[in-house]
């Protein structure tokens, strides 16, 4: 059975993370696994971040979530099926 993944790149976390989080919360029932990544050290925190989602649920709900995320200015999404 194929797994559906969505990779989300947030290029300006300080500007878009709050709105992206609202969308992810809205569609939380179709998110089976979520992994967030960004570079950080003791002196700084990267303005870019990646979120990897494993999705379950209807294709319609997946498309709605991806569409909403894609409308955010500094957010890029990529769908992967493995």
Foldseek 3Di string as FASTA:
>chain_A
DKWKKKKKKQQACVPCVVVLVVLCVVLVVFFPDKDKDWDDDPPDTHRMIMIMTTTHDDPVSVVVSQVSQVPDDRMDMDMDMD
